[in-house]
């Protein structure tokens, strides 16, 4: 609904919470793609 406001932007970045709750779900439903920052340590693989 904010197409007019967004018309001048090239990129919209959504910084999600560190969880997979409803806010993150909203971001994933709105997004074209997901960029995953990943720390190079063992638990990151899970």
ModelCIF file with pLDDT and N, C-alpha, C, O atoms, coordinates in Angstrom:
data_MODEL
#
_entry.id   MODEL 
#
_entity.id                         1 
_entity.type                       polymer 
_entity.pdbx_number_of_molecules   1 
#
_entity_poly.entity_id                      1 
_entity_poly.type                           'polypeptide(L)' 
_entity_poly.nstd_linkage                   no 
_entity_poly.nstd_monomer                   no 
_entity_poly.pdbx_seq_one_letter_code       
;(UNK)(UNK)(UNK)(UNK)(UNK)(UNK)(UNK)(UNK)(UNK)(UNK)(UNK)(UNK)(UNK)(UNK)(UNK)(UNK)
(UNK)(UNK)(UNK)(UNK)(UNK)(UNK)(UNK)(UNK)(UNK)(UNK)(UNK)(UNK)(UNK)(UNK)(UNK)(UNK)
(UNK)(UNK)(UNK)(UNK)(UNK)(UNK)(UNK)(UNK)(UNK)(UNK)(UNK)(UNK)(UNK)(UNK)
;
_entity_poly.pdbx_seq_one_letter_code_can   XXXXXXXXXXXXXXXXXXXXXXXXXXXXXXXXXXXXXXXXXXXXXX 
_entity_poly.pdbx_strand_id                 A 
#
loop_
_entity_poly_seq.entity_id 
_entity_poly_seq.num 
_entity_poly_seq.mon_id 
_entity_poly_seq.hetero 
1 1  UNK n 
1 2  UNK n 
1 3  UNK n 
1 4  UNK n 
1 5  UNK n 
1 6  UNK n 
1 7  UNK n 
1 8  UNK n 
1 9  UNK n 
1 10 UNK n 
1 11 UNK n 
1 12 UNK n 
1 13 UNK n 
1 14 UNK n 
1 15 UNK n 
1 16 UNK n 
1 17 UNK n 
1 18 UNK n 
1 19 UNK n 
1 20 UNK n 
1 21 UNK n 
1 22 UNK n 
1 23 UNK n 
1 24 UNK n 
1 25 UNK n 
1 26 UNK n 
1 27 UNK n 
1 28 UNK n 
1 29 UNK n 
1 30 UNK n 
1 31 UNK n 
1 32 UNK n 
1 33 UNK n 
1 34 UNK n 
1 35 UNK n 
1 36 UNK n 
1 37 UNK n 
1 38 UNK n 
1 39 UNK n 
1 40 UNK n 
1 41 UNK n 
1 42 UNK n 
1 43 UNK n 
1 44 UNK n 
1 45 UNK n 
1 46 UNK n 
#
_struct_asym.id          A 
_struct_asym.entity_id   1 
#
loop_
_ma_qa_metric.id 
_ma_qa_metric.mode 
_ma_qa_metric.name 
_ma_qa_metric.software_group_id 
_ma_qa_metric.type 
1 global pLDDT . pLDDT 
2 local  pLDDT . pLDDT 
#
_ma_qa_metric_global.metric_id      1 
_ma_qa_metric_global.metric_value   92.33 
_ma_qa_metric_global.model_id       1 
_ma_qa_metric_global.ordinal_id     1 
#
loop_
_ma_qa_metric_local.label_asym_id 
_ma_qa_metric_local.label_comp_id 
_ma_qa_metric_local.label_seq_id 
_ma_qa_metric_local.metric_id 
_ma_qa_metric_local.metric_value 
_ma_qa_metric_local.model_id 
_ma_qa_metric_local.ordinal_id 
A UNK 1  2 96.00 1 1  
A UNK 2  2 96.00 1 2  
A UNK 3  2 94.00 1 3  
A UNK 4  2 95.00 1 4  
A UNK 5  2 96.00 1 5  
A UNK 6  2 97.00 1 6  
A UNK 7  2 95.00 1 7  
A UNK 8  2 94.00 1 8  
A UNK 9  2 97.00 1 9  
A UNK 10 2 97.00 1 10 
A UNK 11 2 98.00 1 11 
A UNK 12 2 98.00 1 12 
A UNK 13 2 98.00 1 13 
A UNK 14 2 98.00 1 14 
A UNK 15 2 97.00 1 15 
A UNK 16 2 96.00 1 16 
A UNK 17 2 94.00 1 17 
A UNK 18 2 90.00 1 18 
A UNK 19 2 87.00 1 19 
A UNK 20 2 85.00 1 20 
A UNK 21 2 91.00 1 21 
A UNK 22 2 94.00 1 22 
A UNK 23 2 95.00 1 23 
A UNK 24 2 95.00 1 24 
A UNK 25 2 95.00 1 25 
A UNK 26 2 96.00 1 26 
A UNK 27 2 97.00 1 27 
A UNK 28 2 97.00 1 28 
A UNK 29 2 98.00 1 29 
A UNK 30 2 98.00 1 30 
A UNK 31 2 98.00 1 31 
A UNK 32 2 97.00 1 32 
A UNK 33 2 97.00 1 33 
A UNK 34 2 97.00 1 34 
A UNK 35 2 97.00 1 35 
A UNK 36 2 95.00 1 36 
A UNK 37 2 94.00 1 37 
A UNK 38 2 93.00 1 38 
A UNK 39 2 89.00 1 39 
A UNK 40 2 85.00 1 40 
A UNK 41 2 82.00 1 41 
A UNK 42 2 75.00 1 42 
A UNK 43 2 75.00 1 43 
A UNK 44 2 72.00 1 44 
A UNK 45 2 73.00 1 45 
A UNK 46 2 74.00 1 46 
#
loop_
_atom_site.group_PDB 
_atom_site.id 
_atom_site.type_symbol 
_atom_site.label_atom_id 
_atom_site.label_alt_id 
_atom_site.label_comp_id 
_atom_site.label_asym_id 
_atom_site.label_entity_id 
_atom_site.label_seq_id 
_atom_site.pdbx_PDB_ins_code 
_atom_site.Cartn_x 
_atom_site.Cartn_y 
_atom_site.Cartn_z 
_atom_site.occupancy 
_atom_site.B_iso_or_equiv 
_atom_site.pdbx_formal_charge 
_atom_site.auth_seq_id 
_atom_site.auth_comp_id 
_atom_site.auth_asym_id 
_atom_site.auth_atom_id 
_atom_site.pdbx_PDB_model_num 
ATOM 1   N N  . UNK A 1 1  ? 0.819  -1.215  0.000  1.00 96.00 ? 1  UNK A N  1 
ATOM 2   C CA . UNK A 1 1  ? 0.000  0.000   0.000  1.00 96.00 ? 1  UNK A CA 1 
ATOM 3   C C  . UNK A 1 1  ? 0.853  1.266   0.000  1.00 96.00 ? 1  UNK A C  1 
ATOM 4   O O  . UNK A 1 1  ? 0.358  2.352   -0.303 1.00 96.00 ? 1  UNK A O  1 
ATOM 5   N N  . UNK A 1 2  ? 2.137  1.125   0.341  1.00 96.00 ? 2  UNK A N  1 
ATOM 6   C CA . UNK A 1 2  ? 3.037  2.281   0.399  1.00 96.00 ? 2  UNK A CA 1 
ATOM 7   C C  . UNK A 1 2  ? 3.914  2.369   -0.848 1.00 96.00 ? 2  UNK A C  1 
ATOM 8   O O  . UNK A 1 2  ? 5.040  2.864   -0.786 1.00 96.00 ? 2  UNK A O  1 
ATOM 9   N N  . UNK A 1 3  ? 3.404  1.893   -1.969 1.00 94.00 ? 3  UNK A N  1 
ATOM 10  C CA . UNK A 1 3  ? 4.200  1.876   -3.207 1.00 94.00 ? 3  UNK A CA 1 
ATOM 11  C C  . UNK A 1 3  ? 4.732  3.262   -3.569 1.00 94.00 ? 3  UNK A C  1 
ATOM 12  O O  . UNK A 1 3  ? 5.871  3.403   -4.013 1.00 94.00 ? 3  UNK A O  1 
ATOM 13  N N  . UNK A 1 4  ? 3.902  4.274   -3.378 1.00 95.00 ? 4  UNK A N  1 
ATOM 14  C CA . UNK A 1 4  ? 4.332  5.630   -3.713 1.00 95.00 ? 4  UNK A CA 1 
ATOM 15  C C  . UNK A 1 4  ? 5.509  6.078   -2.864 1.00 95.00 ? 4  UNK A C  1 
ATOM 16  O O  . UNK A 1 4  ? 6.456  6.678   -3.372 1.00 95.00 ? 4  UNK A O  1 
ATOM 17  N N  . UNK A 1 5  ? 5.451  5.789   -1.577 1.00 96.00 ? 5  UNK A N  1 
ATOM 18  C CA . UNK A 1 5  ? 6.538  6.154   -0.662 1.00 96.00 ? 5  UNK A CA 1 
ATOM 19  C C  . UNK A 1 5  ? 7.807  5.402   -1.004 1.00 96.00 ? 5  UNK A C  1 
ATOM 20  O O  . UNK A 1 5  ? 8.903  5.957   -0.933 1.00 96.00 ? 5  UNK A O  1 
ATOM 21  N N  . UNK A 1 6  ? 7.659  4.125   -1.378 1.00 97.00 ? 6  UNK A N  1 
ATOM 22  C CA . UNK A 1 6  ? 8.825  3.280   -1.638 1.00 97.00 ? 6  UNK A CA 1 
ATOM 23  C C  . UNK A 1 6  ? 9.405  3.467   -3.040 1.00 97.00 ? 6  UNK A C  1 
ATOM 24  O O  . UNK A 1 6  ? 10.473 2.941   -3.353 1.00 97.00 ? 6  UNK A O  1 
ATOM 25  N N  . UNK A 1 7  ? 8.698  4.215   -3.874 1.00 95.00 ? 7  UNK A N  1 
ATOM 26  C CA . UNK A 1 7  ? 9.107  4.323   -5.279 1.00 95.00 ? 7  UNK A CA 1 
ATOM 27  C C  . UNK A 1 7  ? 10.511 4.895   -5.446 1.00 95.00 ? 7  UNK A C  1 
ATOM 28  O O  . UNK A 1 7  ? 11.186 4.598   -6.432 1.00 95.00 ? 7  UNK A O  1 
ATOM 29  N N  . UNK A 1 8  ? 10.953 5.706   -4.500 1.00 94.00 ? 8  UNK A N  1 
ATOM 30  C CA . UNK A 1 8  ? 12.282 6.319   -4.645 1.00 94.00 ? 8  UNK A CA 1 
ATOM 31  C C  . UNK A 1 8  ? 13.401 5.458   -4.061 1.00 94.00 ? 8  UNK A C  1 
ATOM 32  O O  . UNK A 1 8  ? 14.577 5.780   -4.227 1.00 94.00 ? 8  UNK A O  1 
ATOM 33  N N  . UNK A 1 9  ? 13.046 4.367   -3.379 1.00 97.00 ? 9  UNK A N  1 
ATOM 34  C CA . UNK A 1 9  ? 14.060 3.522   -2.751 1.00 97.00 ? 9  UNK A CA 1 
ATOM 35  C C  . UNK A 1 9  ? 14.477 2.385   -3.694 1.00 97.00 ? 9  UNK A C  1 
ATOM 36  O O  . UNK A 1 9  ? 13.666 1.849   -4.449 1.00 97.00 ? 9  UNK A O  1 
ATOM 37  N N  . UNK A 1 10 ? 15.747 2.041   -3.627 1.00 97.00 ? 10 UNK A N  1 
ATOM 38  C CA . UNK A 1 10 ? 16.260 0.902   -4.391 1.00 97.00 ? 10 UNK A CA 1 
ATOM 39  C C  . UNK A 1 10 ? 16.168 -0.391  -3.592 1.00 97.00 ? 10 UNK A C  1 
ATOM 40  O O  . UNK A 1 10 ? 15.885 -1.457  -4.139 1.00 97.00 ? 10 UNK A O  1 
ATOM 41  N N  . UNK A 1 11 ? 16.413 -0.280  -2.280 1.00 98.00 ? 11 UNK A N  1 
ATOM 42  C CA . UNK A 1 11 ? 16.394 -1.462  -1.410 1.00 98.00 ? 11 UNK A CA 1 
ATOM 43  C C  . UNK A 1 11 ? 15.660 -1.157  -0.114 1.00 98.00 ? 11 UNK A C  1 
ATOM 44  O O  . UNK A 1 11 ? 15.760 -0.060  0.436  1.00 98.00 ? 11 UNK A O  1 
ATOM 45  N N  . UNK A 1 12 ? 14.918 -2.157  0.362  1.00 98.00 ? 12 UNK A N  1 
ATOM 46  C CA . UNK A 1 12 ? 14.321 -2.112  1.692  1.00 98.00 ? 12 UNK A CA 1 
ATOM 47  C C  . UNK A 1 12 ? 14.881 -3.295  2.470  1.00 98.00 ? 12 UNK A C  1 
ATOM 48  O O  . UNK A 1 12 ? 14.686 -4.448  2.084  1.00 98.00 ? 12 UNK A O  1 
ATOM 49  N N  . UNK A 1 13 ? 15.571 -3.010  3.560  1.00 98.00 ? 13 UNK A N  1 
ATOM 50  C CA . UNK A 1 13 ? 16.157 -4.051  4.409  1.00 98.00 ? 13 UNK A CA 1 
ATOM 51  C C  . UNK A 1 13 ? 15.291 -4.212  5.664  1.00 98.00 ? 13 UNK A C  1 
ATOM 52  O O  . UNK A 1 13 ? 14.909 -3.228  6.297  1.00 98.00 ? 13 UNK A O  1 
ATOM 53  N N  . UNK A 1 14 ? 14.990 -5.456  6.008  1.00 98.00 ? 14 UNK A N  1 
ATOM 54  C CA . UNK A 1 14 ? 14.191 -5.762  7.188  1.00 98.00 ? 14 UNK A CA 1 
ATOM 55  C C  . UNK A 1 14 ? 15.081 -6.470  8.201  1.00 98.00 ? 14 UNK A C  1 
ATOM 56  O O  . UNK A 1 14 ? 15.484 -7.613  7.991  1.00 98.00 ? 14 UNK A O  1 
ATOM 57  N N  . UNK A 1 15 ? 15.386 -5.781  9.305  1.00 97.00 ? 15 UNK A N  1 
ATOM 58  C CA . UNK A 1 15 ? 16.219 -6.393  10.343 1.00 97.00 ? 15 UNK A CA 1 
ATOM 59  C C  . UNK A 1 15 ? 15.310 -7.139  11.314 1.00 97.00 ? 15 UNK A C  1 
ATOM 60  O O  . UNK A 1 15 ? 14.592 -6.525  12.103 1.00 97.00 ? 15 UNK A O  1 
ATOM 61  N N  . UNK A 1 16 ? 15.349 -8.464  11.249 1.00 96.00 ? 16 UNK A N  1 
ATOM 62  C CA . UNK A 1 16 ? 14.414 -9.310  11.993 1.00 96.00 ? 16 UNK A CA 1 
ATOM 63  C C  . UNK A 1 16 ? 14.895 -9.583  13.419 1.00 96.00 ? 16 UNK A C  1 
ATOM 64  O O  . UNK A 1 16 ? 16.087 -9.470  13.704 1.00 96.00 ? 16 UNK A O  1 
ATOM 65  N N  . UNK A 1 17 ? 13.970 -9.941  14.312 1.00 94.00 ? 17 UNK A N  1 
ATOM 66  C CA . UNK A 1 17 ? 14.369 -10.381 15.650 1.00 94.00 ? 17 UNK A CA 1 
ATOM 67  C C  . UNK A 1 17 ? 15.125 -11.705 15.568 1.00 94.00 ? 17 UNK A C  1 
ATOM 68  O O  . UNK A 1 17 ? 14.980 -12.439 14.591 1.00 94.00 ? 17 UNK A O  1 
ATOM 69  N N  . UNK A 1 18 ? 15.937 -12.020 16.592 1.00 90.00 ? 18 UNK A N  1 
ATOM 70  C CA . UNK A 1 18 ? 16.627 -13.330 16.612 1.00 90.00 ? 18 UNK A CA 1 
ATOM 71  C C  . UNK A 1 18 ? 15.676 -14.430 17.091 1.00 90.00 ? 18 UNK A C  1 
ATOM 72  O O  . UNK A 1 18 ? 15.904 -15.064 18.121 1.00 90.00 ? 18 UNK A O  1 
ATOM 73  N N  . UNK A 1 19 ? 14.612 -14.640 16.325 1.00 87.00 ? 19 UNK A N  1 
ATOM 74  C CA . UNK A 1 19 ? 13.611 -15.661 16.651 1.00 87.00 ? 19 UNK A CA 1 
ATOM 75  C C  . UNK A 1 19 ? 12.832 -15.935 15.381 1.00 87.00 ? 19 UNK A C  1 
ATOM 76  O O  . UNK A 1 19 ? 12.980 -15.224 14.388 1.00 87.00 ? 19 UNK A O  1 
ATOM 77  N N  . UNK A 1 20 ? 12.001 -16.969 15.412 1.00 85.00 ? 20 UNK A N  1 
ATOM 78  C CA . UNK A 1 20 ? 11.173 -17.278 14.247 1.00 85.00 ? 20 UNK A CA 1 
ATOM 79  C C  . UNK A 1 20 ? 9.702  -17.086 14.593 1.00 85.00 ? 20 UNK A C  1 
ATOM 80  O O  . UNK A 1 20 ? 8.864  -17.923 14.259 1.00 85.00 ? 20 UNK A O  1 
ATOM 81  N N  . UNK A 1 21 ? 9.395  -15.978 15.263 1.00 91.00 ? 21 UNK A N  1 
ATOM 82  C CA . UNK A 1 21 ? 8.033  -15.662 15.663 1.00 91.00 ? 21 UNK A CA 1 
ATOM 83  C C  . UNK A 1 21 ? 7.277  -14.908 14.581 1.00 91.00 ? 21 UNK A C  1 
ATOM 84  O O  . UNK A 1 21 ? 7.670  -14.905 13.414 1.00 91.00 ? 21 UNK A O  1 
ATOM 85  N N  . UNK A 1 22 ? 6.174  -14.262 14.993 1.00 94.00 ? 22 UNK A N  1 
ATOM 86  C CA . UNK A 1 22 ? 5.281  -13.615 14.035 1.00 94.00 ? 22 UNK A CA 1 
ATOM 87  C C  . UNK A 1 22 ? 5.899  -12.396 13.346 1.00 94.00 ? 22 UNK A C  1 
ATOM 88  O O  . UNK A 1 22 ? 5.578  -12.105 12.194 1.00 94.00 ? 22 UNK A O  1 
ATOM 89  N N  . UNK A 1 23 ? 6.786  -11.684 14.051 1.00 95.00 ? 23 UNK A N  1 
ATOM 90  C CA . UNK A 1 23 ? 7.418  -10.527 13.402 1.00 95.00 ? 23 UNK A CA 1 
ATOM 91  C C  . UNK A 1 23 ? 8.332  -10.996 12.279 1.00 95.00 ? 23 UNK A C  1 
ATOM 92  O O  . UNK A 1 23 ? 8.302  -10.448 11.177 1.00 95.00 ? 23 UNK A O  1 
ATOM 93  N N  . UNK A 1 24 ? 9.146  -12.013 12.559 1.00 95.00 ? 24 UNK A N  1 
ATOM 94  C CA . UNK A 1 24 ? 10.024 -12.564 11.514 1.00 95.00 ? 24 UNK A CA 1 
ATOM 95  C C  . UNK A 1 24 ? 9.190  -13.149 10.377 1.00 95.00 ? 24 UNK A C  1 
ATOM 96  O O  . UNK A 1 24 ? 9.528  -12.976 9.206  1.00 95.00 ? 24 UNK A O  1 
ATOM 97  N N  . UNK A 1 25 ? 8.105  -13.839 10.716 1.00 95.00 ? 25 UNK A N  1 
ATOM 98  C CA . UNK A 1 25 ? 7.231  -14.397 9.678  1.00 95.00 ? 25 UNK A CA 1 
ATOM 99  C C  . UNK A 1 25 ? 6.683  -13.288 8.789  1.00 95.00 ? 25 UNK A C  1 
ATOM 100 O O  . UNK A 1 25 ? 6.633  -13.447 7.570  1.00 95.00 ? 25 UNK A O  1 
ATOM 101 N N  . UNK A 1 26 ? 6.269  -12.163 9.380  1.00 96.00 ? 26 UNK A N  1 
ATOM 102 C CA . UNK A 1 26 ? 5.807  -11.027 8.583  1.00 96.00 ? 26 UNK A CA 1 
ATOM 103 C C  . UNK A 1 26 ? 6.888  -10.551 7.622  1.00 96.00 ? 26 UNK A C  1 
ATOM 104 O O  . UNK A 1 26 ? 6.607  -10.244 6.463  1.00 96.00 ? 26 UNK A O  1 
ATOM 105 N N  . UNK A 1 27 ? 8.122  -10.490 8.106  1.00 97.00 ? 27 UNK A N  1 
ATOM 106 C CA . UNK A 1 27 ? 9.231  -10.047 7.257  1.00 97.00 ? 27 UNK A CA 1 
ATOM 107 C C  . UNK A 1 27 ? 9.448  -11.016 6.096  1.00 97.00 ? 27 UNK A C  1 
ATOM 108 O O  . UNK A 1 27 ? 9.667  -10.587 4.963  1.00 97.00 ? 27 UNK A O  1 
ATOM 109 N N  . UNK A 1 28 ? 9.388  -12.310 6.369  1.00 97.00 ? 28 UNK A N  1 
ATOM 110 C CA . UNK A 1 28 ? 9.614  -13.306 5.322  1.00 97.00 ? 28 UNK A CA 1 
ATOM 111 C C  . UNK A 1 28 ? 8.499  -13.309 4.286  1.00 97.00 ? 28 UNK A C  1 
ATOM 112 O O  . UNK A 1 28 ? 8.744  -13.558 3.105  1.00 97.00 ? 28 UNK A O  1 
ATOM 113 N N  . UNK A 1 29 ? 7.278  -13.035 4.726  1.00 98.00 ? 29 UNK A N  1 
ATOM 114 C CA . UNK A 1 29 ? 6.161  -12.977 3.783  1.00 98.00 ? 29 UNK A CA 1 
ATOM 115 C C  . UNK A 1 29 ? 6.258  -11.721 2.911  1.00 98.00 ? 29 UNK A C  1 
ATOM 116 O O  . UNK A 1 29 ? 5.810  -11.722 1.764  1.00 98.00 ? 29 UNK A O  1 
ATOM 117 N N  . UNK A 1 30 ? 6.841  -10.655 3.456  1.00 98.00 ? 30 UNK A N  1 
ATOM 118 C CA . UNK A 1 30 ? 6.959  -9.400  2.706  1.00 98.00 ? 30 UNK A CA 1 
ATOM 119 C C  . UNK A 1 30 ? 8.179  -9.357  1.791  1.00 98.00 ? 30 UNK A C  1 
ATOM 120 O O  . UNK A 1 30 ? 8.221  -8.560  0.854  1.00 98.00 ? 30 UNK A O  1 
ATOM 121 N N  . UNK A 1 31 ? 9.175  -10.208 2.054  1.00 98.00 ? 31 UNK A N  1 
ATOM 122 C CA . UNK A 1 31 ? 10.487 -10.083 1.394  1.00 98.00 ? 31 UNK A CA 1 
ATOM 123 C C  . UNK A 1 31 ? 10.555 -10.816 0.062  1.00 98.00 ? 31 UNK A C  1 
ATOM 124 O O  . UNK A 1 31 ? 9.801  -11.752 -0.204 1.00 98.00 ? 31 UNK A O  1 
ATOM 125 N N  . UNK A 1 32 ? 11.494 -10.353 -0.768 1.00 97.00 ? 32 UNK A N  1 
ATOM 126 C CA . UNK A 1 32 ? 11.845 -11.074 -1.997 1.00 97.00 ? 32 UNK A CA 1 
ATOM 127 C C  . UNK A 1 32 ? 12.901 -12.137 -1.717 1.00 97.00 ? 32 UNK A C  1 
ATOM 128 O O  . UNK A 1 32 ? 12.934 -13.184 -2.363 1.00 97.00 ? 32 UNK A O  1 
ATOM 129 N N  . UNK A 1 33 ? 13.765 -11.851 -0.743 1.00 97.00 ? 33 UNK A N  1 
ATOM 130 C CA . UNK A 1 33 ? 14.849 -12.777 -0.441 1.00 97.00 ? 33 UNK A CA 1 
ATOM 131 C C  . UNK A 1 33 ? 15.297 -12.624 0.993  1.00 97.00 ? 33 UNK A C  1 
ATOM 132 O O  . UNK A 1 33 ? 14.914 -11.681 1.684  1.00 97.00 ? 33 UNK A O  1 
ATOM 133 N N  . UNK A 1 34 ? 16.126 -13.579 1.437  1.00 97.00 ? 34 UNK A N  1 
ATOM 134 C CA . UNK A 1 34 ? 16.638 -13.583 2.803  1.00 97.00 ? 34 UNK A CA 1 
ATOM 135 C C  . UNK A 1 34 ? 18.158 -13.625 2.746  1.00 97.00 ? 34 UNK A C  1 
ATOM 136 O O  . UNK A 1 34 ? 18.746 -14.437 2.031  1.00 97.00 ? 34 UNK A O  1 
ATOM 137 N N  . UNK A 1 35 ? 18.779 -12.741 3.507  1.00 97.00 ? 35 UNK A N  1 
ATOM 138 C CA . UNK A 1 35 ? 20.223 -12.762 3.659  1.00 97.00 ? 35 UNK A CA 1 
ATOM 139 C C  . UNK A 1 35 ? 20.513 -13.211 5.089  1.00 97.00 ? 35 UNK A C  1 
ATOM 140 O O  . UNK A 1 35 ? 20.033 -12.598 6.043  1.00 97.00 ? 35 UNK A O  1 
ATOM 141 N N  . UNK A 1 36 ? 21.295 -14.274 5.241  1.00 95.00 ? 36 UNK A N  1 
ATOM 142 C CA . UNK A 1 36 ? 21.545 -14.867 6.560  1.00 95.00 ? 36 UNK A CA 1 
ATOM 143 C C  . UNK A 1 36 ? 22.988 -14.603 6.983  1.00 95.00 ? 36 UNK A C  1 
ATOM 144 O O  . UNK A 1 36 ? 23.906 -15.221 6.445  1.00 95.00 ? 36 UNK A O  1 
ATOM 145 N N  . UNK A 1 37 ? 23.204 -13.701 7.931  1.00 94.00 ? 37 UNK A N  1 
ATOM 146 C CA . UNK A 1 37 ? 24.544 -13.569 8.533  1.00 94.00 ? 37 UNK A CA 1 
ATOM 147 C C  . UNK A 1 37 ? 24.798 -14.783 9.436  1.00 94.00 ? 37 UNK A C  1 
ATOM 148 O O  . UNK A 1 37 ? 23.938 -15.166 10.230 1.00 94.00 ? 37 UNK A O  1 
ATOM 149 N N  . UNK A 1 38 ? 25.970 -15.373 9.309  1.00 93.00 ? 38 UNK A N  1 
ATOM 150 C CA . UNK A 1 38 ? 26.255 -16.629 10.003 1.00 93.00 ? 38 UNK A CA 1 
ATOM 151 C C  . UNK A 1 38 ? 27.620 -16.563 10.663 1.00 93.00 ? 38 UNK A C  1 
ATOM 152 O O  . UNK A 1 38 ? 28.641 -16.430 9.987  1.00 93.00 ? 38 UNK A O  1 
ATOM 153 N N  . UNK A 1 39 ? 27.633 -16.656 11.973 1.00 89.00 ? 39 UNK A N  1 
ATOM 154 C CA . UNK A 1 39 ? 28.904 -16.673 12.704 1.00 89.00 ? 39 UNK A CA 1 
ATOM 155 C C  . UNK A 1 39 ? 29.601 -18.005 12.482 1.00 89.00 ? 39 UNK A C  1 
ATOM 156 O O  . UNK A 1 39 ? 28.959 -19.056 12.489 1.00 89.00 ? 39 UNK A O  1 
ATOM 157 N N  . UNK A 1 40 ? 30.909 -17.964 12.287 1.00 85.00 ? 40 UNK A N  1 
ATOM 158 C CA . UNK A 1 40 ? 31.646 -19.207 11.995 1.00 85.00 ? 40 UNK A CA 1 
ATOM 159 C C  . UNK A 1 40 ? 32.002 -19.932 13.296 1.00 85.00 ? 40 UNK A C  1 
ATOM 160 O O  . UNK A 1 40 ? 33.154 -19.944 13.730 1.00 85.00 ? 40 UNK A O  1 
ATOM 161 N N  . UNK A 1 41 ? 30.988 -20.528 13.893 1.00 82.00 ? 41 UNK A N  1 
ATOM 162 C CA . UNK A 1 41 ? 31.200 -21.373 15.065 1.00 82.00 ? 41 UNK A CA 1 
ATOM 163 C C  . UNK A 1 41 ? 30.200 -22.530 15.015 1.00 82.00 ? 41 UNK A C  1 
ATOM 164 O O  . UNK A 1 41 ? 29.222 -22.467 14.270 1.00 82.00 ? 41 UNK A O  1 
ATOM 165 N N  . UNK A 1 42 ? 30.433 -23.573 15.790 1.00 75.00 ? 42 UNK A N  1 
ATOM 166 C CA . UNK A 1 42 ? 29.741 -24.850 15.597 1.00 75.00 ? 42 UNK A CA 1 
ATOM 167 C C  . UNK A 1 42 ? 28.224 -24.731 15.642 1.00 75.00 ? 42 UNK A C  1 
ATOM 168 O O  . UNK A 1 42 ? 27.546 -25.250 14.756 1.00 75.00 ? 42 UNK A O  1 
ATOM 169 N N  . UNK A 1 43 ? 27.672 -24.058 16.659 1.00 75.00 ? 43 UNK A N  1 
ATOM 170 C CA . UNK A 1 43 ? 26.220 -24.028 16.811 1.00 75.00 ? 43 UNK A CA 1 
ATOM 171 C C  . UNK A 1 43 ? 25.539 -23.294 15.662 1.00 75.00 ? 43 UNK A C  1 
ATOM 172 O O  . UNK A 1 43 ? 24.341 -23.469 15.441 1.00 75.00 ? 43 UNK A O  1 
ATOM 173 N N  . UNK A 1 44 ? 26.278 -22.488 14.940 1.00 72.00 ? 44 UNK A N  1 
ATOM 174 C CA . UNK A 1 44 ? 25.710 -21.776 13.804 1.00 72.00 ? 44 UNK A CA 1 
ATOM 175 C C  . UNK A 1 44 ? 25.200 -22.742 12.744 1.00 72.00 ? 44 UNK A C  1 
ATOM 176 O O  . UNK A 1 44 ? 24.231 -22.446 12.044 1.00 72.00 ? 44 UNK A O  1 
ATOM 177 N N  . UNK A 1 45 ? 25.848 -23.896 12.626 1.00 73.00 ? 45 UNK A N  1 
ATOM 178 C CA . UNK A 1 45 ? 25.440 -24.866 11.612 1.00 73.00 ? 45 UNK A CA 1 
ATOM 179 C C  . UNK A 1 45 ? 24.037 -25.394 11.880 1.00 73.00 ? 45 UNK A C  1 
ATOM 180 O O  . UNK A 1 45 ? 23.280 -25.658 10.945 1.00 73.00 ? 45 UNK A O  1 
ATOM 181 N N  . UNK A 1 46 ? 23.685 -25.550 13.169 1.00 74.00 ? 46 UNK A N  1 
ATOM 182 C CA . UNK A 1 46 ? 22.335 -25.979 13.508 1.00 74.00 ? 46 UNK A CA 1 
ATOM 183 C C  . UNK A 1 46 ? 21.328 -24.879 13.158 1.00 74.00 ? 46 UNK A C  1 
ATOM 184 O O  . UNK A 1 46 ? 20.127 -25.050 13.370 1.00 74.00 ? 46 UNK A O  1 
#
